[in-house]
Amino acid sequence: MTVEERRRRRFSEGFRQEQVKLIEGGEITAREVCAMYQVKWDSVKKWLLKYGKKELPGRILICNGRELDRIRELEKEYQTLMGLIGKQQVRIVYQNELIRLARERLGEDFEKK
């Protein structure tokens, strides 16, 4: 297909929406759509912005290996902290349930006993 032919063709709104639905559903990637229909990445990106329900992730610029290592380190730390927060939340729920049961069995002023 020549450049001139690609410039003249138009995709229907339904076709664009269908491709966005497939991309967001994980059935196909945006790059595969670009290759199959000989569409520029910028066009598919515009379709995703216009018809998509998910927000496109921002671009991460990595200049050297140390920055990549730092990003990985921060991601590990994030996962660790999220695990700790989850454990603390479980403890809080457990303690609240214990206090509720104690109030039921010992009365409202159980702390004085």
PDB file of N, CA and C in Angstrom:
ATOM      1  N   MET A   1       0.859  -1.169   0.000  1.00  0.00           N
ATOM      2  CA  MET A   1       0.000   0.000   0.000  1.00  0.00           C
ATOM      3  C   MET A   1       0.905   1.233   0.000  1.00  0.00           C
ATOM      4  N   THR A   2       0.597   2.145  -0.860  1.00  0.00           N
ATOM      5  CA  THR A   2       1.423   3.342  -0.961  1.00  0.00           C
ATOM      6  C   THR A   2       1.048   4.340   0.124  1.00  0.00           C
ATOM      7  N   VAL A   3       1.910   5.309   0.313  1.00  0.00           N
ATOM      8  CA  VAL A   3       1.671   6.352   1.302  1.00  0.00           C
ATOM      9  C   VAL A   3       0.415   7.133   0.943  1.00  0.00           C
ATOM     10  N   GLU A   4       0.244   7.388  -0.329  1.00  0.00           N
ATOM     11  CA  GLU A   4      -0.931   8.141  -0.780  1.00  0.00           C
ATOM     12  C   GLU A   4      -2.223   7.374  -0.496  1.00  0.00           C
ATOM     13  N   GLU A   5      -2.204   6.067  -0.707  1.00  0.00           N
ATOM     14  CA  GLU A   5      -3.389   5.255  -0.413  1.00  0.00           C
ATOM     15  C   GLU A   5      -3.706   5.265   1.080  1.00  0.00           C
ATOM     16  N   ARG A   6      -2.672   5.209   1.903  1.00  0.00           N
ATOM     17  CA  ARG A   6      -2.906   5.246   3.354  1.00  0.00           C
ATOM     18  C   ARG A   6      -3.480   6.582   3.795  1.00  0.00           C
ATOM     19  N   ARG A   7      -3.059   7.657   3.182  1.00  0.00           N
ATOM     20  CA  ARG A   7      -3.575   8.977   3.546  1.00  0.00           C
ATOM     21  C   ARG A   7      -5.047   9.139   3.200  1.00  0.00           C
ATOM     22  N   ARG A   8      -5.484   8.506   2.110  1.00  0.00           N
ATOM     23  CA  ARG A   8      -6.861   8.676   1.647  1.00  0.00           C
ATOM     24  C   ARG A   8      -7.857   7.803   2.404  1.00  0.00           C
ATOM     25  N   ARG A   9      -7.403   6.743   3.018  1.00  0.00           N
ATOM     26  CA  ARG A   9      -8.375   5.841   3.643  1.00  0.00           C
ATOM     27  C   ARG A   9      -8.783   6.339   5.018  1.00  0.00           C
ATOM     28  N   ARG A  10     -10.010   6.004   5.369  1.00  0.00           N
ATOM     29  CA  ARG A  10     -10.583   6.396   6.660  1.00  0.00           C
ATOM     30  C   ARG A  10     -11.191   5.165   7.302  1.00  0.00           C
ATOM     31  N   PHE A  11     -11.048   5.081   8.622  1.00  0.00           N
ATOM     32  CA  PHE A  11     -11.643   3.990   9.371  1.00  0.00           C
ATOM     33  C   PHE A  11     -12.920   4.485  10.028  1.00  0.00           C
ATOM     34  N   SER A  12     -13.938   3.660  10.007  1.00  0.00           N
ATOM     35  CA  SER A  12     -15.214   4.063  10.596  1.00  0.00           C
ATOM     36  C   SER A  12     -15.075   4.139  12.113  1.00  0.00           C
ATOM     37  N   GLU A  13     -15.973   4.865  12.719  1.00  0.00           N
ATOM     38  CA  GLU A  13     -15.961   5.008  14.171  1.00  0.00           C
ATOM     39  C   GLU A  13     -16.183   3.650  14.846  1.00  0.00           C
ATOM     40  N   GLY A  14     -17.050   2.843  14.267  1.00  0.00           N
ATOM     41  CA  GLY A  14     -17.306   1.512  14.813  1.00  0.00           C
ATOM     42  C   GLY A  14     -16.063   0.639  14.787  1.00  0.00           C
ATOM     43  N   PHE A  15     -15.321   0.715  13.677  1.00  0.00           N
ATOM     44  CA  PHE A  15     -14.080  -0.049  13.562  1.00  0.00           C
ATOM     45  C   PHE A  15     -13.084   0.391  14.628  1.00  0.00           C
ATOM     46  N   ARG A  16     -12.938   1.697  14.802  1.00  0.00           N
ATOM     47  CA  ARG A  16     -12.010   2.220  15.804  1.00  0.00           C
ATOM     48  C   ARG A  16     -12.402   1.755  17.198  1.00  0.00           C
ATOM     49  N   GLN A  17     -13.686   1.858  17.520  1.00  0.00           N
ATOM     50  CA  GLN A  17     -14.161   1.434  18.842  1.00  0.00           C
ATOM     51  C   GLN A  17     -13.925  -0.051  19.059  1.00  0.00           C
ATOM     52  N   GLU A  18     -14.126  -0.844  18.011  1.00  0.00           N
ATOM     53  CA  GLU A  18     -13.905  -2.288  18.111  1.00  0.00           C
ATOM     54  C   GLU A  18     -12.430  -2.592  18.396  1.00  0.00           C
ATOM     55  N   GLN A  19     -11.541  -1.893  17.710  1.00  0.00           N
ATOM     56  CA  GLN A  19     -10.111  -2.115  17.926  1.00  0.00           C
ATOM     57  C   GLN A  19      -9.701  -1.703  19.344  1.00  0.00           C
ATOM     58  N   VAL A  20     -10.244  -0.604  19.832  1.00  0.00           N
ATOM     59  CA  VAL A  20      -9.945  -0.152  21.194  1.00  0.00           C
ATOM     60  C   VAL A  20     -10.435  -1.178  22.206  1.00  0.00           C
ATOM     61  N   LYS A  21     -11.628  -1.723  21.968  1.00  0.00           N
ATOM     62  CA  LYS A  21     -12.182  -2.738  22.872  1.00  0.00           C
ATOM     63  C   LYS A  21     -11.277  -3.972  22.900  1.00  0.00           C
ATOM     64  N   LEU A  22     -10.776  -4.378  21.736  1.00  0.00           N
ATOM     65  CA  LEU A  22      -9.873  -5.532  21.668  1.00  0.00           C
ATOM     66  C   LEU A  22      -8.562  -5.252  22.402  1.00  0.00           C
ATOM     67  N   ILE A  23      -8.042  -4.051  22.229  1.00  0.00           N
ATOM     68  CA  ILE A  23      -6.781  -3.681  22.888  1.00  0.00           C
ATOM     69  C   ILE A  23      -6.973  -3.658  24.402  1.00  0.00           C
ATOM     70  N   GLU A  24      -8.035  -3.011  24.867  1.00  0.00           N
ATOM     71  CA  GLU A  24      -8.273  -2.922  26.311  1.00  0.00           C
ATOM     72  C   GLU A  24      -8.627  -4.275  26.910  1.00  0.00           C
ATOM     73  N   GLY A  25      -9.196  -5.168  26.110  1.00  0.00           N
ATOM     74  CA  GLY A  25      -9.523  -6.510  26.585  1.00  0.00           C
ATOM     75  C   GLY A  25      -8.313  -7.433  26.611  1.00  0.00           C
ATOM     76  N   GLY A  26      -7.203  -6.984  26.070  1.00  0.00           N
ATOM     77  CA  GLY A  26      -5.984  -7.776  26.079  1.00  0.00           C
ATOM     78  C   GLY A  26      -5.922  -8.819  24.970  1.00  0.00           C
ATOM     79  N   GLU A  27      -6.845  -8.769  24.037  1.00  0.00           N
ATOM     80  CA  GLU A  27      -6.869  -9.749  22.953  1.00  0.00           C
ATOM     81  C   GLU A  27      -5.825  -9.439  21.876  1.00  0.00           C
ATOM     82  N   ILE A  28      -5.431  -8.174  21.803  1.00  0.00           N
ATOM     83  CA  ILE A  28      -4.481  -7.740  20.791  1.00  0.00           C
ATOM     84  C   ILE A  28      -3.752  -6.516  21.346  1.00  0.00           C
ATOM     85  N   THR A  29      -2.554  -6.274  20.861  1.00  0.00           N
ATOM     86  CA  THR A  29      -1.825  -5.092  21.318  1.00  0.00           C
ATOM     87  C   THR A  29      -1.990  -3.962  20.303  1.00  0.00           C
ATOM     88  N   ALA A  30      -1.697  -2.771  20.765  1.00  0.00           N
ATOM     89  CA  ALA A  30      -1.798  -1.610  19.877  1.00  0.00           C
ATOM     90  C   ALA A  30      -0.806  -1.740  18.730  1.00  0.00           C
ATOM     91  N   ARG A  31       0.364  -2.268  19.014  1.00  0.00           N
ATOM     92  CA  ARG A  31       1.368  -2.449  17.961  1.00  0.00           C
ATOM     93  C   ARG A  31       0.890  -3.443  16.894  1.00  0.00           C
ATOM     94  N   GLU A  32       0.169  -4.474  17.325  1.00  0.00           N
ATOM     95  CA  GLU A  32      -0.362  -5.439  16.362  1.00  0.00           C
ATOM     96  C   GLU A  32      -1.418  -4.791  15.468  1.00  0.00           C
ATOM     97  N   VAL A  33      -2.242  -3.911  16.036  1.00  0.00           N
ATOM     98  CA  VAL A  33      -3.231  -3.182  15.233  1.00  0.00           C
ATOM     99  C   VAL A  33      -2.512  -2.319  14.207  1.00  0.00           C
ATOM    100  N   CYS A  34      -1.441  -1.653  14.644  1.00  0.00           N
ATOM    101  CA  CYS A  34      -0.664  -0.822  13.718  1.00  0.00           C
ATOM    102  C   CYS A  34      -0.136  -1.651  12.559  1.00  0.00           C
ATOM    103  N   ALA A  35       0.383  -2.833  12.870  1.00  0.00           N
ATOM    104  CA  ALA A  35       0.966  -3.678  11.823  1.00  0.00           C
ATOM    105  C   ALA A  35      -0.102  -4.267  10.913  1.00  0.00           C
ATOM    106  N   MET A  36      -1.200  -4.747  11.484  1.00  0.00           N
ATOM    107  CA  MET A  36      -2.241  -5.408  10.681  1.00  0.00           C
ATOM    108  C   MET A  36      -2.898  -4.452   9.699  1.00  0.00           C
ATOM    109  N   TYR A  37      -3.171  -3.234  10.136  1.00  0.00           N
ATOM    110  CA  TYR A  37      -3.927  -2.297   9.301  1.00  0.00           C
ATOM    111  C   TYR A  37      -3.073  -1.163   8.750  1.00  0.00           C
ATOM    112  N   GLN A  38      -1.762  -1.263   8.958  1.00  0.00           N
ATOM    113  CA  GLN A  38      -0.813  -0.246   8.503  1.00  0.00           C
ATOM    114  C   GLN A  38      -1.255   1.152   8.940  1.00  0.00           C
ATOM    115  N   VAL A  39      -1.432   1.265  10.242  1.00  0.00           N
ATOM    116  CA  VAL A  39      -1.861   2.526  10.845  1.00  0.00           C
ATOM    117  C   VAL A  39      -0.720   3.014  11.722  1.00  0.00           C
ATOM    118  N   LYS A  40      -0.514   4.294  11.749  1.00  0.00           N
ATOM    119  CA  LYS A  40       0.538   4.849  12.610  1.00  0.00           C
ATOM    120  C   LYS A  40       0.146   4.719  14.076  1.00  0.00           C
ATOM    121  N   TRP A  41       1.173   4.580  14.907  1.00  0.00           N
ATOM    122  CA  TRP A  41       0.962   4.454  16.353  1.00  0.00           C
ATOM    123  C   TRP A  41       0.207   5.658  16.894  1.00  0.00           C
ATOM    124  N   ASP A  42       0.502   6.848  16.393  1.00  0.00           N
ATOM    125  CA  ASP A  42      -0.174   8.053  16.871  1.00  0.00           C
ATOM    126  C   ASP A  42      -1.678   7.986  16.632  1.00  0.00           C
ATOM    127  N   SER A  43      -2.085   7.397  15.506  1.00  0.00           N
ATOM    128  CA  SER A  43      -3.516   7.267  15.221  1.00  0.00           C
ATOM    129  C   SER A  43      -4.184   6.323  16.214  1.00  0.00           C
ATOM    130  N   VAL A  44      -3.549   5.183  16.468  1.00  0.00           N
ATOM    131  CA  VAL A  44      -4.119   4.221  17.413  1.00  0.00           C
ATOM    132  C   VAL A  44      -4.167   4.836  18.809  1.00  0.00           C
ATOM    133  N   LYS A  45      -3.154   5.595  19.151  1.00  0.00           N
ATOM    134  CA  LYS A  45      -3.120   6.268  20.455  1.00  0.00           C
ATOM    135  C   LYS A  45      -4.290   7.244  20.577  1.00  0.00           C
ATOM    136  N   LYS A  46      -4.577   7.972  19.511  1.00  0.00           N
ATOM    137  CA  LYS A  46      -5.722   8.890  19.515  1.00  0.00           C
ATOM    138  C   LYS A  46      -7.031   8.125  19.693  1.00  0.00           C
ATOM    139  N   TRP A  47      -7.139   6.964  19.053  1.00  0.00           N
ATOM    140  CA  TRP A  47      -8.331   6.130  19.218  1.00  0.00           C
ATOM    141  C   TRP A  47      -8.481   5.722  20.677  1.00  0.00           C
ATOM    142  N   LEU A  48      -7.372   5.314  21.276  1.00  0.00           N
ATOM    143  CA  LEU A  48      -7.416   4.885  22.678  1.00  0.00           C
ATOM    144  C   LEU A  48      -7.828   6.033  23.597  1.00  0.00           C
ATOM    145  N   LEU A  49      -7.323   7.216  23.318  1.00  0.00           N
ATOM    146  CA  LEU A  49      -7.679   8.379  24.141  1.00  0.00           C
ATOM    147  C   LEU A  49      -9.152   8.758  23.957  1.00  0.00           C
ATOM    148  N   LYS A  50      -9.634   8.656  22.726  1.00  0.00           N
ATOM    149  CA  LYS A  50     -11.000   9.083  22.433  1.00  0.00           C
ATOM    150  C   LYS A  50     -12.036   8.051  22.855  1.00  0.00           C
ATOM    151  N   TYR A  51     -11.808   6.774  22.562  1.00  0.00           N
ATOM    152  CA  TYR A  51     -12.820   5.751  22.791  1.00  0.00           C
ATOM    153  C   TYR A  51     -12.530   4.850  23.989  1.00  0.00           C
ATOM    154  N   GLY A  52     -11.322   4.895  24.495  1.00  0.00           N
ATOM    155  CA  GLY A  52     -10.945   3.986  25.569  1.00  0.00           C
ATOM    156  C   GLY A  52     -11.496   4.374  26.926  1.00  0.00           C
ATOM    157  N   LYS A  53     -11.647   3.366  27.761  1.00  0.00           N
ATOM    158  CA  LYS A  53     -12.131   3.591  29.119  1.00  0.00           C
ATOM    159  C   LYS A  53     -10.976   3.651  30.098  1.00  0.00           C
ATOM    160  N   LYS A  54      -9.855   3.069  29.725  1.00  0.00           N
ATOM    161  CA  LYS A  54      -8.676   3.057  30.595  1.00  0.00           C
ATOM    162  C   LYS A  54      -7.781   4.232  30.232  1.00  0.00           C
ATOM    163  N   GLU A  55      -7.107   4.745  31.243  1.00  0.00           N
ATOM    164  CA  GLU A  55      -6.179   5.844  31.003  1.00  0.00           C
ATOM    165  C   GLU A  55      -4.853   5.274  30.535  1.00  0.00           C
ATOM    166  N   LEU A  56      -4.245   5.931  29.564  1.00  0.00           N
ATOM    167  CA  LEU A  56      -2.958   5.463  29.064  1.00  0.00           C
ATOM    168  C   LEU A  56      -1.875   5.757  30.096  1.00  0.00           C
ATOM    169  N   PRO A  57      -0.963   4.817  30.310  1.00  0.00           N
ATOM    170  CA  PRO A  57       0.108   5.067  31.275  1.00  0.00           C
ATOM    171  C   PRO A  57       1.059   6.133  30.752  1.00  0.00           C
ATOM    172  N   GLY A  58       1.628   6.867  31.670  1.00  0.00           N
ATOM    173  CA  GLY A  58       2.582   7.897  31.282  1.00  0.00           C
ATOM    174  C   GLY A  58       3.900   7.287  30.850  1.00  0.00           C
ATOM    175  N   ARG A  59       4.699   8.061  30.216  1.00  0.00           N
ATOM    176  CA  ARG A  59       5.984   7.598  29.723  1.00  0.00           C
ATOM    177  C   ARG A  59       7.017   7.702  30.838  1.00  0.00           C
ATOM    178  N   ILE A  60       7.847   6.674  30.963  1.00  0.00           N
ATOM    179  CA  ILE A  60       8.939   6.672  31.928  1.00  0.00           C
ATOM    180  C   ILE A  60      10.226   6.780  31.131  1.00  0.00           C
ATOM    181  N   LEU A  61      10.995   7.815  31.408  1.00  0.00           N
ATOM    182  CA  LEU A  61      12.251   8.036  30.703  1.00  0.00           C
ATOM    183  C   LEU A  61      13.390   7.532  31.571  1.00  0.00           C
ATOM    184  N   ILE A  62      14.151   6.595  31.052  1.00  0.00           N
ATOM    185  CA  ILE A  62      15.281   6.032  31.774  1.00  0.00           C
ATOM    186  C   ILE A  62      16.539   6.404  31.016  1.00  0.00           C
ATOM    187  N   CYS A  63      17.447   7.054  31.719  1.00  0.00           N
ATOM    188  CA  CYS A  63      18.661   7.536  31.070  1.00  0.00           C
ATOM    189  C   CYS A  63      19.834   6.567  31.209  1.00  0.00           C
ATOM    190  N   ASN A  64      19.919   5.866  32.335  1.00  0.00           N
ATOM    191  CA  ASN A  64      21.037   4.954  32.505  1.00  0.00           C
ATOM    192  C   ASN A  64      20.624   3.771  33.374  1.00  0.00           C
ATOM    193  N   GLY A  65      21.528   2.826  33.519  1.00  0.00           N
ATOM    194  CA  GLY A  65      21.249   1.604  34.258  1.00  0.00           C
ATOM    195  C   GLY A  65      20.970   1.833  35.732  1.00  0.00           C
ATOM    196  N   ARG A  66      21.625   2.831  36.321  1.00  0.00           N
ATOM    197  CA  ARG A  66      21.401   3.118  37.741  1.00  0.00           C
ATOM    198  C   ARG A  66      19.960   3.544  37.991  1.00  0.00           C
ATOM    199  N   GLU A  67      19.401   4.325  37.081  1.00  0.00           N
ATOM    200  CA  GLU A  67      18.011   4.755  37.238  1.00  0.00           C
ATOM    201  C   GLU A  67      17.059   3.565  37.133  1.00  0.00           C
ATOM    202  N   LEU A  68      17.348   2.651  36.230  1.00  0.00           N
ATOM    203  CA  LEU A  68      16.530   1.449  36.092  1.00  0.00           C
ATOM    204  C   LEU A  68      16.603   0.613  37.367  1.00  0.00           C
ATOM    205  N   ASP A  69      17.822   0.462  37.908  1.00  0.00           N
ATOM    206  CA  ASP A  69      17.983  -0.270  39.168  1.00  0.00           C
ATOM    207  C   ASP A  69      17.217   0.408  40.290  1.00  0.00           C
ATOM    208  N   ARG A  70      17.253   1.723  40.335  1.00  0.00           N
ATOM    209  CA  ARG A  70      16.550   2.486  41.384  1.00  0.00           C
ATOM    210  C   ARG A  70      15.034   2.296  41.263  1.00  0.00           C
ATOM    211  N   ILE A  71      14.533   2.297  40.039  1.00  0.00           N
ATOM    212  CA  ILE A  71      13.095   2.082  39.822  1.00  0.00           C
ATOM    213  C   ILE A  71      12.698   0.695  40.312  1.00  0.00           C
ATOM    214  N   ARG A  72      13.490  -0.309  39.979  1.00  0.00           N
ATOM    215  CA  ARG A  72      13.198  -1.670  40.441  1.00  0.00           C
ATOM    216  C   ARG A  72      13.237  -1.756  41.963  1.00  0.00           C
ATOM    217  N   GLU A  73      14.226  -1.095  42.547  1.00  0.00           N
ATOM    218  CA  GLU A  73      14.348  -1.078  44.003  1.00  0.00           C
ATOM    219  C   GLU A  73      13.121  -0.418  44.644  1.00  0.00           C
ATOM    220  N   LEU A  74      12.667   0.686  44.077  1.00  0.00           N
ATOM    221  CA  LEU A  74      11.486   1.371  44.602  1.00  0.00           C
ATOM    222  C   LEU A  74      10.228   0.526  44.438  1.00  0.00           C
ATOM    223  N   GLU A  75      10.122  -0.205  43.339  1.00  0.00           N
ATOM    224  CA  GLU A  75       8.968  -1.078  43.139  1.00  0.00           C
ATOM    225  C   GLU A  75       8.945  -2.198  44.175  1.00  0.00           C
ATOM    226  N   LYS A  76      10.119  -2.770  44.496  1.00  0.00           N
ATOM    227  CA  LYS A  76      10.198  -3.805  45.534  1.00  0.00           C
ATOM    228  C   LYS A  76       9.803  -3.231  46.886  1.00  0.00           C
ATOM    229  N   GLU A  77      10.309  -2.039  47.186  1.00  0.00           N
ATOM    230  CA  GLU A  77       9.985  -1.384  48.455  1.00  0.00           C
ATOM    231  C   GLU A  77       8.483  -1.104  48.538  1.00  0.00           C
ATOM    232  N   TYR A  78       7.903  -0.681  47.440  1.00  0.00           N
ATOM    233  CA  TYR A  78       6.465  -0.416  47.388  1.00  0.00           C
ATOM    234  C   TYR A  78       5.687  -1.684  47.715  1.00  0.00           C
ATOM    235  N   GLN A  79       6.066  -2.799  47.090  1.00  0.00           N
ATOM    236  CA  GLN A  79       5.376  -4.062  47.341  1.00  0.00           C
ATOM    237  C   GLN A  79       5.512  -4.484  48.802  1.00  0.00           C
ATOM    238  N   THR A  80       6.699  -4.303  49.366  1.00  0.00           N
ATOM    239  CA  THR A  80       6.923  -4.645  50.774  1.00  0.00           C
ATOM    240  C   THR A  80       6.039  -3.794  51.677  1.00  0.00           C
ATOM    241  N   LEU A  81       6.001  -2.509  51.414  1.00  0.00           N
ATOM    242  CA  LEU A  81       5.183  -1.607  52.236  1.00  0.00           C
ATOM    243  C   LEU A  81       3.700  -1.922  52.102  1.00  0.00           C
ATOM    244  N   MET A  82       3.260  -2.242  50.897  1.00  0.00           N
ATOM    245  CA  MET A  82       1.849  -2.600  50.717  1.00  0.00           C
ATOM    246  C   MET A  82       1.520  -3.872  51.492  1.00  0.00           C
ATOM    247  N   GLY A  83       2.451  -4.822  51.547  1.00  0.00           N
ATOM    248  CA  GLY A  83       2.247  -6.031  52.334  1.00  0.00           C
ATOM    249  C   GLY A  83       2.144  -5.720  53.816  1.00  0.00           C
ATOM    250  N   LEU A  84       3.019  -4.822  54.299  1.00  0.00           N
ATOM    251  CA  LEU A  84       2.970  -4.430  55.710  1.00  0.00           C
ATOM    252  C   LEU A  84       1.669  -3.719  56.051  1.00  0.00           C
ATOM    253  N   ILE A  85       1.233  -2.857  55.165  1.00  0.00           N
ATOM    254  CA  ILE A  85      -0.029  -2.149  55.394  1.00  0.00           C
ATOM    255  C   ILE A  85      -1.178  -3.152  55.447  1.00  0.00           C
ATOM    256  N   GLY A  86      -1.150  -4.133  54.581  1.00  0.00           N
ATOM    257  CA  GLY A  86      -2.190  -5.156  54.581  1.00  0.00           C
ATOM    258  C   GLY A  86      -2.203  -5.933  55.885  1.00  0.00           C
ATOM    259  N   LYS A  87      -1.024  -6.307  56.384  1.00  0.00           N
ATOM    260  CA  LYS A  87      -0.937  -7.041  57.650  1.00  0.00           C
ATOM    261  C   LYS A  87      -1.465  -6.191  58.803  1.00  0.00           C
ATOM    262  N   GLN A  88      -1.114  -4.917  58.812  1.00  0.00           N
ATOM    263  CA  GLN A  88      -1.585  -4.026  59.874  1.00  0.00           C
ATOM    264  C   GLN A  88      -3.104  -3.887  59.821  1.00  0.00           C
ATOM    265  N   GLN A  89      -3.645  -3.824  58.616  1.00  0.00           N
ATOM    266  CA  GLN A  89      -5.097  -3.711  58.474  1.00  0.00           C
ATOM    267  C   GLN A  89      -5.784  -4.955  59.031  1.00  0.00           C
ATOM    268  N   VAL A  90      -5.205  -6.119  58.782  1.00  0.00           N
ATOM    269  CA  VAL A  90      -5.767  -7.368  59.316  1.00  0.00           C
ATOM    270  C   VAL A  90      -5.725  -7.343  60.836  1.00  0.00           C
ATOM    271  N   ARG A  91      -4.623  -6.869  61.404  1.00  0.00           N
ATOM    272  CA  ARG A  91      -4.510  -6.783  62.867  1.00  0.00           C
ATOM    273  C   ARG A  91      -5.562  -5.841  63.452  1.00  0.00           C
ATOM    274  N   ILE A  92      -5.758  -4.717  62.794  1.00  0.00           N
ATOM    275  CA  ILE A  92      -6.744  -3.746  63.289  1.00  0.00           C
ATOM    276  C   ILE A  92      -8.144  -4.363  63.258  1.00  0.00           C
ATOM    277  N   VAL A  93      -8.484  -5.025  62.188  1.00  0.00           N
ATOM    278  CA  VAL A  93      -9.797  -5.664  62.089  1.00  0.00           C
ATOM    279  C   VAL A  93      -9.938  -6.733  63.177  1.00  0.00           C
ATOM    280  N   TYR A  94      -8.895  -7.524  63.392  1.00  0.00           N
ATOM    281  CA  TYR A  94      -8.906  -8.561  64.422  1.00  0.00           C
ATOM    282  C   TYR A  94      -9.101  -7.956  65.815  1.00  0.00           C
ATOM    283  N   GLN A  95      -8.347  -6.894  66.109  1.00  0.00           N
ATOM    284  CA  GLN A  95      -8.470  -6.249  67.427  1.00  0.00           C
ATOM    285  C   GLN A  95      -9.849  -5.628  67.624  1.00  0.00           C
ATOM    286  N   ASN A  96     -10.380  -5.006  66.602  1.00  0.00           N
ATOM    287  CA  ASN A  96     -11.725  -4.432  66.703  1.00  0.00           C
ATOM    288  C   ASN A  96     -12.769  -5.511  66.957  1.00  0.00           C
ATOM    289  N   GLU A  97     -12.590  -6.660  66.339  1.00  0.00           N
ATOM    290  CA  GLU A  97     -13.522  -7.760  66.551  1.00  0.00           C
ATOM    291  C   GLU A  97     -13.395  -8.308  67.976  1.00  0.00           C
ATOM    292  N   LEU A  98     -12.167  -8.392  68.485  1.00  0.00           N
ATOM    293  CA  LEU A  98     -11.963  -8.821  69.874  1.00  0.00           C
ATOM    294  C   LEU A  98     -12.633  -7.861  70.859  1.00  0.00           C
ATOM    295  N   ILE A  99     -12.479  -6.576  70.609  1.00  0.00           N
ATOM    296  CA  ILE A  99     -13.096  -5.570  71.481  1.00  0.00           C
ATOM    297  C   ILE A  99     -14.617  -5.690  71.419  1.00  0.00           C
ATOM    298  N   ARG A 100     -15.157  -5.904  70.227  1.00  0.00           N
ATOM    299  CA  ARG A 100     -16.605  -6.056  70.092  1.00  0.00           C
ATOM    300  C   ARG A 100     -17.098  -7.282  70.860  1.00  0.00           C
ATOM    301  N   LEU A 101     -16.404  -8.394  70.734  1.00  0.00           N
ATOM    302  CA  LEU A 101     -16.793  -9.610  71.450  1.00  0.00           C
ATOM    303  C   LEU A 101     -16.676  -9.429  72.971  1.00  0.00           C
ATOM    304  N   ALA A 102     -15.615  -8.745  73.399  1.00  0.00           N
ATOM    305  CA  ALA A 102     -15.439  -8.498  74.830  1.00  0.00           C
ATOM    306  C   ALA A 102     -16.573  -7.629  75.362  1.00  0.00           C
ATOM    307  N   ARG A 103     -16.983  -6.638  74.618  1.00  0.00           N
ATOM    308  CA  ARG A 103     -18.096  -5.780  75.043  1.00  0.00           C
ATOM    309  C   ARG A 103     -19.389  -6.585  75.153  1.00  0.00           C
ATOM    310  N   GLU A 104     -19.590  -7.502  74.200  1.00  0.00           N
ATOM    311  CA  GLU A 104     -20.796  -8.336  74.238  1.00  0.00           C
ATOM    312  C   GLU A 104     -20.814  -9.219  75.483  1.00  0.00           C
ATOM    313  N   ARG A 105     -19.695  -9.825  75.803  1.00  0.00           N
ATOM    314  CA  ARG A 105     -19.641 -10.787  76.903  1.00  0.00           C
ATOM    315  C   ARG A 105     -19.462 -10.138  78.269  1.00  0.00           C
ATOM    316  N   LEU A 106     -18.693  -9.051  78.318  1.00  0.00           N
ATOM    317  CA  LEU A 106     -18.363  -8.444  79.615  1.00  0.00           C
ATOM    318  C   LEU A 106     -19.089  -7.131  79.870  1.00  0.00           C
ATOM    319  N   GLY A 107     -19.768  -6.605  78.881  1.00  0.00           N
ATOM    320  CA  GLY A 107     -20.466  -5.332  79.041  1.00  0.00           C
ATOM    321  C   GLY A 107     -19.609  -4.191  78.526  1.00  0.00           C
ATOM    322  N   GLU A 108     -20.236  -3.027  78.481  1.00  0.00           N
ATOM    323  CA  GLU A 108     -19.580  -1.848  77.921  1.00  0.00           C
ATOM    324  C   GLU A 108     -18.345  -1.424  78.705  1.00  0.00           C
ATOM    325  N   ASP A 109     -18.350  -1.633  80.015  1.00  0.00           N
ATOM    326  CA  ASP A 109     -17.228  -1.176  80.839  1.00  0.00           C
ATOM    327  C   ASP A 109     -16.232  -2.318  81.107  1.00  0.00           C
ATOM    328  N   PHE A 110     -16.025  -3.202  80.144  1.00  0.00           N
ATOM    329  CA  PHE A 110     -15.142  -4.343  80.333  1.00  0.00           C
ATOM    330  C   PHE A 110     -13.680  -3.925  80.585  1.00  0.00           C
ATOM    331  N   GLU A 111     -13.307  -2.764  80.077  1.00  0.00           N
ATOM    332  CA  GLU A 111     -11.926  -2.302  80.262  1.00  0.00           C
ATOM    333  C   GLU A 111     -11.618  -2.020  81.719  1.00  0.00           C
ATOM    334  N   LYS A 112     -12.613  -1.651  82.481  1.00  0.00           N
ATOM    335  CA  LYS A 112     -12.402  -1.392  83.905  1.00  0.00           C
ATOM    336  C   LYS A 112     -12.188  -2.686  84.667  1.00  0.00           C
ATOM    337  N   LYS A 113     -12.771  -3.789  84.172  1.00  0.00           N
ATOM    338  CA  LYS A 113     -12.653  -5.060  84.852  1.00  0.00           C
ATOM    339  C   LYS A 113     -11.297  -5.635  84.551  1.00  0.00           C
TER     340      LYS A 113
END
